[in-house]
Protein backbone atom coordinates (compact mmCIF):
# COMPACT_ATOMS: atom_id res chain seq x y z
CA MET A 1 4.47 8.45 -0.98
CA ILE A 2 6.80 6.36 -2.02
CA GLY A 3 8.18 5.44 1.03
CA LEU A 4 4.63 3.59 1.63
CA ILE A 5 4.17 1.75 -1.10
CA ILE A 6 7.61 0.39 -1.69
CA GLY A 7 7.85 -1.81 1.41
CA SER A 8 7.65 -5.24 2.21
CA GLY A 9 5.89 -5.89 -1.08
CA ILE A 10 8.67 -6.18 -4.02
CA PHE A 11 10.88 -7.87 -2.16
CA ARG A 12 8.38 -10.85 -1.49
CA VAL A 13 4.84 -10.55 -4.19
CA PRO A 14 7.52 -11.03 -7.43
CA SER A 15 7.72 -14.77 -5.94
CA SER A 16 4.57 -15.50 -5.84
CA ILE A 17 3.45 -13.65 -9.36
CA ALA A 18 6.34 -16.23 -10.96
CA GLY A 19 4.35 -18.34 -9.66
CA GLN A 20 0.65 -17.78 -10.72
CA VAL A 21 1.58 -16.44 -13.72
CA GLU A 22 4.90 -18.25 -15.34
CA GLY A 23 6.28 -16.73 -18.49
CA VAL A 24 9.06 -13.50 -18.36
CA GLY A 25 6.63 -11.28 -20.75
CA ALA A 26 3.53 -12.36 -18.57
CA ILE A 27 5.31 -11.06 -15.65
CA GLY A 28 6.36 -7.78 -17.03
CA LEU A 29 2.84 -7.34 -18.52
CA ILE A 30 1.12 -7.71 -15.06
CA TRP A 31 3.50 -5.20 -13.32
CA VAL A 32 2.92 -2.60 -15.70
CA LEU A 33 -0.83 -3.08 -16.33
CA GLY A 34 -0.83 -2.52 -12.41
CA GLY A 35 1.02 0.43 -12.59
CA LEU A 36 -1.20 1.43 -14.93
CA VAL A 37 -4.35 1.05 -13.45
CA ALA A 38 -3.42 2.36 -9.91
CA LEU A 39 -1.50 5.35 -11.84
CA CYS A 40 -5.56 5.79 -13.67
CA GLY A 41 -6.70 5.78 -10.02
CA ALA A 42 -4.04 8.38 -9.07
CA LEU A 43 -4.83 11.14 -11.59
CA THR A 44 -8.65 10.26 -10.75
CA MET A 45 -8.39 10.29 -6.74
CA ALA A 46 -6.39 13.86 -7.05
CA GLU A 47 -9.15 15.74 -8.22
CA LEU A 48 -11.14 14.69 -5.19
CA SER A 49 -7.87 15.78 -2.85
CA CYS A 50 -8.15 19.41 -4.40
CA MET A 51 -11.64 19.63 -3.66
CA PHE A 52 -11.84 18.38 0.09
CA PRO A 53 -8.30 19.11 1.07
CA GLN A 54 -8.87 17.97 4.81
CA ALA A 55 -7.80 15.59 7.41
CA GLY A 56 -8.59 11.63 6.46
CA GLY A 57 -8.09 11.57 2.41
CA GLU A 58 -10.53 8.57 1.02
CA TYR A 59 -12.85 8.64 4.17
CA VAL A 60 -13.77 12.40 3.49
CA PHE A 61 -14.27 11.58 -0.02
CA LEU A 62 -16.82 8.70 0.45
CA ARG A 63 -18.57 11.37 3.24
CA GLU A 64 -18.77 13.55 1.19
CA GLY A 65 -19.82 11.34 -2.60
CA TYR A 66 -22.10 9.22 -0.93
CA GLY A 67 -23.15 10.05 2.89
CA LEU A 68 -21.91 9.07 6.43
CA LEU A 69 -22.72 5.46 6.19
CA PRO A 70 -20.08 4.55 3.52
CA ALA A 71 -17.01 6.39 4.46
CA PHE A 72 -17.82 5.35 8.03
CA LEU A 73 -17.77 1.45 6.90
CA TYR A 74 -14.28 2.15 4.81
CA GLY A 75 -12.91 3.73 7.74
CA TRP A 76 -14.17 0.46 9.95
CA THR A 77 -12.63 -1.67 7.20
CA ARG A 78 -9.10 0.21 7.89
CA LEU A 79 -9.93 -0.02 11.64
CA LEU A 80 -10.22 -4.27 12.04
CA LEU A 81 -8.38 -5.30 8.83
CA LEU A 82 -6.12 -3.25 7.04
CA VAL A 83 -3.79 -0.86 9.12
CA PRO A 84 -3.51 -3.48 12.29
CA THR A 85 -2.46 -5.83 9.60
CA SER A 86 -0.24 -4.45 7.39
CA LEU A 87 1.43 -2.47 10.21
CA GLY A 88 1.57 -5.53 12.07
CA ALA A 89 3.01 -7.68 9.89
CA ILE A 90 5.73 -5.18 8.11
CA SER A 91 6.59 -4.41 11.22
CA LEU A 92 7.59 -8.49 11.42
CA ILE A 93 9.45 -8.54 8.29
CA PHE A 94 11.10 -5.51 9.19
CA ALA A 95 12.56 -7.74 12.32
CA SER A 96 13.01 -10.91 11.08
CA TYR A 97 15.38 -9.46 8.47
CA LEU A 98 17.43 -7.45 11.42
CA GLY A 99 17.35 -10.94 12.54
CA THR A 100 19.77 -11.75 9.83
CA PHE A 101 22.13 -9.43 12.03
CA LEU A 102 21.12 -10.21 15.36
CA GLU A 103 20.11 -13.23 16.93
CA LEU A 104 16.48 -12.42 17.92
CA GLY A 105 14.65 -15.42 17.93
CA ALA A 106 10.65 -15.83 17.24
CA THR A 107 9.83 -13.81 21.09
CA GLY A 108 12.50 -11.27 20.08
CA GLU A 109 11.72 -10.27 16.68
CA ARG A 110 8.16 -9.32 17.93
CA ALA A 111 9.78 -6.90 20.59
CA VAL A 112 11.23 -5.57 17.94
CA ALA A 113 8.63 -5.29 16.00
CA ALA A 114 6.42 -3.69 19.12
CA SER A 115 9.30 -1.32 19.81
CA LEU A 116 9.56 -0.11 16.28
CA ILE A 117 5.57 0.72 16.09
CA VAL A 118 6.09 2.65 19.43
CA LEU A 119 9.23 4.39 18.61
CA LEU A 120 7.75 5.77 15.28
CA ALA A 121 4.27 6.02 17.24
CA ALA A 122 6.52 8.39 19.70
CA LEU A 123 7.77 10.56 16.63
CA ASN A 124 4.43 11.20 14.90
CA TYR A 125 3.17 12.17 18.61
CA ARG A 126 6.00 14.98 18.48
CA SER A 127 6.19 16.32 15.12
CA LEU A 128 4.75 15.99 11.79
CA ARG A 129 7.78 17.88 10.48
CA TRP A 130 10.34 15.88 12.43
CA SER A 131 8.73 12.11 11.00
CA ALA A 132 7.99 13.71 7.38
CA ALA A 133 11.87 14.10 7.25
CA LEU A 134 13.25 10.89 8.50
CA GLU A 135 11.02 9.30 6.14
CA ASN A 136 11.97 11.67 3.11
CA ILE A 137 15.61 10.90 4.13
CA VAL A 138 14.77 6.71 4.34
CA THR A 139 12.93 6.85 1.15
CA LEU A 140 15.64 8.81 -0.84
CA ALA A 141 18.14 5.82 0.42
CA LYS A 142 16.19 2.48 0.06
CA VAL A 143 15.41 3.92 -3.36
CA LEU A 144 19.14 4.37 -4.51
CA ALA A 145 19.84 1.15 -2.92
CA LEU A 146 17.24 -0.51 -4.93
CA ALA A 147 18.68 0.55 -7.87
CA ALA A 148 22.51 -0.21 -7.08
CA VAL A 149 20.83 -3.51 -6.42
CA VAL A 150 19.14 -3.33 -10.00
CA ALA A 151 22.03 -2.12 -11.73
CA ALA A 152 24.87 -4.40 -10.08
CA ALA A 153 22.51 -7.63 -11.13
CA PHE A 154 22.76 -6.15 -14.87
CA ALA A 155 26.18 -5.45 -14.33
CA TRP A 156 27.64 -8.56 -13.09
CA GLY A 157 25.00 -11.13 -13.16
CA ASP A 158 24.91 -14.31 -15.52
CA ARG A 159 21.96 -13.87 -18.29
CA ALA A 160 22.56 -17.26 -18.77
CA GLY A 161 21.09 -18.94 -15.58
CA GLY A 162 18.30 -16.47 -15.37
CA ALA A 163 14.60 -16.51 -17.30
CA PHE A 164 15.89 -14.29 -20.00
CA VAL A 165 16.22 -17.22 -22.82
CA GLY A 166 14.47 -17.00 -25.58
CA LEU A 167 11.41 -15.15 -26.58
CA PRO A 168 9.57 -13.71 -23.83
CA SER A 169 6.10 -15.61 -23.54
CA PHE A 170 3.32 -12.80 -23.02
CA ALA A 171 0.32 -15.70 -22.05
CA PRO A 172 -0.33 -16.23 -18.69
CA ALA A 173 -0.71 -20.42 -17.72
CA SER A 174 -4.06 -18.99 -16.91
CA TRP A 175 -5.84 -16.07 -17.51
CA THR A 176 -8.03 -16.35 -14.32
CA ALA A 177 -4.53 -16.95 -12.03
CA PHE A 178 -3.49 -14.13 -14.04
CA GLY A 179 -5.94 -11.97 -12.70
CA LEU A 180 -5.90 -13.34 -9.57
CA ALA A 181 -2.10 -12.61 -9.29
CA PHE A 182 -2.94 -9.12 -9.92
CA VAL A 183 -4.52 -8.73 -6.90
CA THR A 184 -1.56 -9.67 -5.29
CA VAL A 185 0.10 -7.13 -7.18
CA MET A 186 -2.09 -4.37 -6.48
CA TRP A 187 -1.08 -4.56 -2.81
CA ALA A 188 2.32 -4.51 -4.17
CA TYR A 189 1.00 -0.84 -5.69
CA SER A 190 -0.91 0.15 -2.92
CA GLY A 191 -0.52 3.34 -0.66
CA TRP A 192 -0.79 5.77 -3.21
CA GLN A 193 -4.29 6.74 -1.44
CA SER A 194 -3.00 7.04 1.48
CA VAL A 195 -1.35 10.45 0.78
CA ALA A 196 -4.73 12.26 0.04
CA ALA A 197 -5.44 11.70 4.07
CA LEU A 198 -2.80 14.51 4.63
CA GLY A 199 -4.58 17.10 2.98
CA GLY A 200 -5.27 19.18 5.50
CA GLU A 201 -1.57 19.60 6.71
CA ILE A 202 -0.32 20.01 2.73
CA ARG A 203 0.45 23.75 1.47
CA ASP A 204 -1.27 24.58 -1.33
CA PRO A 205 -2.89 21.36 -1.95
CA GLY A 206 -4.34 21.91 -5.10
CA ARG A 207 -0.48 21.86 -6.68
CA THR A 208 1.46 19.56 -4.54
CA VAL A 209 -0.87 16.56 -4.07
CA PRO A 210 -1.28 16.06 -8.11
CA ARG A 211 2.16 16.05 -8.48
CA VAL A 212 3.06 13.96 -5.76
CA LEU A 213 0.47 11.33 -6.93
CA LEU A 214 1.68 11.78 -10.60
CA GLY A 215 5.58 11.87 -10.47
CA GLY A 216 5.57 9.30 -7.14
CA MET A 217 3.62 6.45 -9.21
CA VAL A 218 5.70 6.98 -12.41
CA LEU A 219 8.70 6.16 -10.24
CA VAL A 220 7.40 3.60 -9.06
CA ILE A 221 6.07 2.09 -11.59
CA LEU A 222 9.89 2.34 -13.24
CA ILE A 223 11.48 0.72 -10.44
CA TYR A 224 8.99 -1.85 -9.42
CA ALA A 225 9.48 -2.64 -13.79
CA ALA A 226 13.03 -2.58 -13.12
CA THR A 227 13.36 -4.43 -9.97
CA ASN A 228 11.42 -7.43 -12.04
CA ALA A 229 13.90 -7.54 -14.55
CA ALA A 230 16.88 -7.78 -12.16
CA TYR A 231 15.35 -10.86 -10.69
CA LEU A 232 14.72 -12.42 -13.42
CA TYR A 233 18.08 -11.96 -15.21
CA VAL A 234 19.74 -13.80 -12.73
CA LEU A 235 16.91 -16.34 -11.69
CA PRO A 236 14.86 -18.90 -13.78
CA ILE A 237 11.19 -18.17 -13.18
CA ALA A 238 11.09 -21.88 -11.14
CA GLU A 239 13.49 -20.67 -8.92
CA MET A 240 12.15 -17.66 -8.53
CA ALA A 241 8.14 -18.48 -8.11
CA ALA A 242 9.79 -21.55 -4.84
CA SER A 243 11.79 -18.52 -3.17
CA SER A 244 10.31 -17.06 -0.33
CA MET A 245 13.31 -14.28 -0.36
CA VAL A 246 13.37 -13.45 -4.02
CA ALA A 247 15.21 -10.72 -3.39
CA ALA A 248 18.04 -12.34 -1.45
CA ASP A 249 18.71 -14.79 -3.66
CA ALA A 250 19.36 -12.44 -6.74
CA ALA A 251 21.79 -10.67 -5.03
CA THR A 252 23.18 -14.19 -3.26
CA ARG A 253 23.91 -15.27 -7.43
CA VAL A 254 25.52 -11.90 -8.16
CA PHE A 255 27.63 -11.05 -4.62
CA GLY A 256 27.75 -14.67 -3.28
CA THR A 257 26.65 -14.87 0.46
CA PRO A 258 27.39 -10.96 1.40
CA GLY A 259 24.74 -10.63 -1.12
CA ALA A 260 21.69 -12.17 1.20
CA ARG A 261 23.13 -9.75 3.38
CA VAL A 262 22.83 -6.48 1.45
CA VAL A 263 19.13 -7.26 0.63
CA ALA A 264 18.29 -7.74 4.50
CA ALA A 265 19.44 -4.59 4.97
CA LEU A 266 17.68 -2.81 2.04
CA VAL A 267 14.47 -4.69 3.45
CA ALA A 268 14.91 -3.67 6.47
CA LEU A 269 15.75 0.29 5.36
CA ALA A 270 12.22 -0.18 3.27
CA THR A 271 9.82 -1.77 5.50
CA PHE A 272 11.29 0.90 8.12
CA GLY A 273 9.85 3.54 6.45
CA ALA A 274 7.00 2.11 4.78
CA VAL A 275 5.84 1.73 9.12
CA GLN A 276 6.86 5.02 9.88
CA ALA A 277 4.68 6.38 6.05
CA SER A 278 2.25 4.61 7.94
CA LEU A 279 2.18 5.58 10.83
CA MET A 280 2.31 9.36 9.10
CA PHE A 281 -1.10 8.35 6.87
CA ASN A 282 -3.55 6.35 8.77
CA PRO A 283 -4.38 8.14 12.03
CA ARG A 284 -5.35 10.96 10.05
CA ILE A 285 -8.23 8.73 8.89
CA PHE A 286 -9.24 7.81 12.46
CA TYR A 287 -8.85 11.36 13.26
CA ALA A 288 -11.66 12.56 10.81
CA MET A 289 -13.56 9.26 11.39
CA ALA A 290 -13.69 10.89 15.25
CA THR A 291 -14.81 14.59 14.70
CA ASP A 292 -18.05 13.41 12.52
CA GLY A 293 -18.83 11.36 15.72
CA VAL A 294 -18.65 7.80 14.37
CA LEU A 295 -15.48 6.55 17.05
CA PHE A 296 -14.66 7.59 20.22
CA ALA A 297 -14.37 11.20 20.61
CA PRO A 298 -11.08 11.11 22.18
CA ILE A 299 -9.17 10.20 18.90
CA ALA A 300 -10.28 13.22 17.57
CA ARG A 301 -8.33 15.71 20.13
CA VAL A 302 -5.09 17.67 18.30
CA HIS A 303 -2.20 18.15 20.96
CA ARG A 304 -2.18 21.69 21.98
CA GLN A 305 1.76 22.21 22.00
CA PHE A 306 2.69 19.66 18.66
CA LEU A 307 -0.56 20.20 16.53
CA THR A 308 -0.32 16.80 16.07
CA PRO A 309 -3.69 14.09 16.17
CA HIS A 310 -1.71 12.10 19.50
CA ILE A 311 -4.28 10.57 20.23
CA ALA A 312 -5.20 9.17 17.02
CA THR A 313 -1.58 8.41 16.38
CA LEU A 314 -1.36 6.41 19.83
CA PHE A 315 -4.62 4.52 18.75
CA THR A 316 -3.24 3.38 15.37
CA ALA A 317 0.07 2.10 17.25
CA ALA A 318 -2.11 0.02 19.65
CA LEU A 319 -3.97 -1.71 16.83
CA GLY A 320 -0.50 -2.52 15.50
CA ILE A 321 0.62 -4.21 17.91
CA GLY A 322 -2.40 -5.99 18.62
CA TYR A 323 -2.36 -7.98 15.05
CA LEU A 324 1.49 -8.98 15.43
CA SER A 325 0.61 -12.60 15.86
CA LEU A 326 -1.10 -12.61 11.88
CA ARG A 327 2.12 -13.61 9.51
CA SER A 328 0.45 -15.36 6.60
CA PHE A 329 1.94 -12.63 3.93
CA GLU A 330 0.07 -14.04 0.39
CA GLN A 331 -3.84 -14.05 2.15
CA LEU A 332 -3.41 -11.17 4.07
CA ALA A 333 -2.20 -9.52 0.86
CA GLN A 334 -5.29 -10.83 -0.92
CA ALA A 335 -7.49 -10.04 2.00
CA PHE A 336 -6.48 -6.27 2.30
CA VAL A 337 -6.65 -5.49 -1.72
CA LEU A 338 -9.88 -7.37 -1.74
CA GLY A 339 -11.40 -5.83 1.69
CA ILE A 340 -10.73 -1.94 0.31
CA TRP A 341 -10.96 -2.18 -3.30
CA PRO A 342 -15.04 -2.22 -3.22
CA PHE A 343 -13.98 1.38 -1.55
CA HIS A 344 -11.66 2.80 -3.99
CA ILE A 345 -14.22 1.80 -6.77
CA LEU A 346 -16.65 4.09 -5.01
CA THR A 347 -13.93 6.85 -4.41
CA ILE A 348 -13.35 7.07 -8.42
CA TRP A 349 -16.64 6.60 -9.15
CA ALA A 350 -18.01 9.82 -6.81
CA VAL A 351 -14.93 11.67 -9.33
CA ILE A 352 -17.94 11.14 -11.70
CA ARG A 353 -20.86 12.11 -9.29
CA LEU A 354 -19.92 15.07 -8.02
CA ARG A 355 -19.27 16.33 -11.76
CA ARG A 356 -22.88 15.64 -12.44
CA SER A 357 -24.08 16.74 -9.28
CA GLN A 358 -22.07 19.51 -8.09
CA PRO A 359 -20.58 21.04 -11.73
CA GLY A 360 -20.26 24.40 -10.35
CA ARG A 361 -17.75 23.83 -7.61
CA ALA A 362 -14.53 25.15 -7.39
CA ARG A 363 -11.79 22.16 -9.18
CA PRO A 364 -8.59 23.72 -8.77
CA TYR A 365 -7.41 19.97 -10.51
CA ARG A 366 -9.28 18.10 -12.90
CA THR A 367 -8.41 14.83 -14.25
CA PRO A 368 -6.91 14.45 -17.22
CA GLY A 369 -8.76 12.20 -19.76
CA TYR A 370 -11.63 12.53 -18.23
CA PRO A 371 -13.75 9.89 -18.44
CA VAL A 372 -11.06 7.62 -20.09
CA VAL A 373 -8.54 7.27 -17.04
CA PRO A 374 -11.58 6.41 -14.01
CA ALA A 375 -13.07 4.28 -16.49
CA ILE A 376 -10.24 2.21 -17.02
CA PHE A 377 -9.26 1.90 -12.97
CA LEU A 378 -13.20 0.91 -12.65
CA ILE A 379 -13.22 -1.47 -15.25
CA ALA A 380 -9.85 -3.08 -13.98
CA SER A 381 -11.14 -3.11 -10.41
CA GLY A 382 -14.72 -4.43 -11.33
CA ALA A 383 -12.86 -6.97 -13.46
CA MET A 384 -10.66 -8.30 -10.86
CA ILE A 385 -12.96 -8.38 -7.89
CA LEU A 386 -15.61 -10.53 -10.03
CA ASN A 387 -12.41 -12.79 -11.20
CA ALA A 388 -11.21 -13.26 -7.30
CA LEU A 389 -14.96 -14.08 -6.45
CA VAL A 390 -14.71 -16.78 -8.88
CA ARG A 391 -11.50 -18.31 -7.89
CA GLU A 392 -11.55 -17.29 -3.94
CA PRO A 393 -15.29 -17.24 -2.99
CA TRP A 394 -14.64 -17.55 0.72
CA LEU A 395 -11.33 -15.48 0.79
CA THR A 396 -13.53 -12.81 -1.19
CA LEU A 397 -16.64 -13.04 0.51
CA PHE A 398 -14.87 -13.01 4.00
CA GLY A 399 -13.96 -9.59 2.90
CA PHE A 400 -17.38 -8.64 1.54
CA GLY A 401 -18.68 -9.36 4.91
CA LEU A 402 -16.38 -7.90 7.34
CA ILE A 403 -17.66 -4.08 5.59
CA VAL A 404 -21.43 -5.29 6.31
CA ALA A 405 -20.41 -6.15 9.76
CA GLY A 406 -20.02 -2.13 10.44
CA VAL A 407 -23.84 -1.76 9.87
CA PRO A 408 -25.21 -1.83 12.76
CA PHE A 409 -21.86 -0.59 15.01
CA TYR A 410 -22.55 2.52 12.75
CA PHE A 411 -25.93 2.67 13.75
CA LEU A 412 -24.95 2.12 17.56
CA ALA A 413 -22.18 4.68 17.27
CA ARG A 414 -24.63 7.46 15.59
CA ARG A 415 -26.85 6.98 18.92
CA THR A 416 -24.48 7.07 21.20
CA ARG A 417 -23.22 10.11 19.84
CA ARG A 418 -26.59 11.79 19.85
């Protein structure tokens, strides 16, 4: 879970946030608020994960809470927009930072990105145990590396040249801009929802999944807060906002030119782990869709020897390779959030809905602080989408239009299945 969340976001998003929010206090506030909202969502979704420990995660929760059509539209949105664009974009970021050490060029970067997807898809095709072991090693390495960079910034960085001068301002330049920046922050926190997709293969999910979601989110919040503080400690806000490689610029301030190469290696490691985690979680969603008859039937096959959803894994890899040409980071991040967040809202509401419609159903885990915790997520998410509709109407409507466009395909898939 941590490996999927900490990908490229913490190395790219802070500069965008600094340009939109301004003010040290406001930047810290938006990262903490984003983490708390994500934590409320994770604590709530854990209840559904324990009720329905099946492959597919959020797709299964939507199917059980509302029926097959909303679940299909969720899978449809992931199929067309979320999985291929994020997988392709993160692989390209890996290749571009690897280019710091190797002369690749544009064509070489695309070839490396495609090769990374193929290599990790082959690993996930062969064994979930092997891929999980690799993910754990890579995640531990990048968390320790991030901690070392943060510690070095505070130990040897020059505070006088950074943004920590005077009293921090918690008021952003514009509250509507703050709301739009919140969308990008939520993209950096996205990934906690996907761990439930492995529910059918997790030992003792009733105990394991809640611990994973709570412990993982708390650790990510602390890492993100510390990393942003380190950036601001050595860089002024204006320079941070203008930087496309804020982590490299911060490291250069501390270590000189070799600092950029250290961060390049760290970003390559982080994005490698994010691609690997994506190829673990997402095939299970497509597998569940195919099992329900709303996606190509072969995708529901399980390998006889390796016991992995091998066709779904190959299908996911093909989607990522097909979208390697998309490279607009900020629009990609906002489209990602605005396309998937309505389904997160429905999923969290499903906890309330099922509490009323199925009060006697076994719940190995219950959301702490219910109903306040899910209400915080629902209110914050609704306000975020409404603000985005005002500030970026076309981008928001594009996400909604993509969802609606899946309706005729759902009925076509059902008819074909019959």
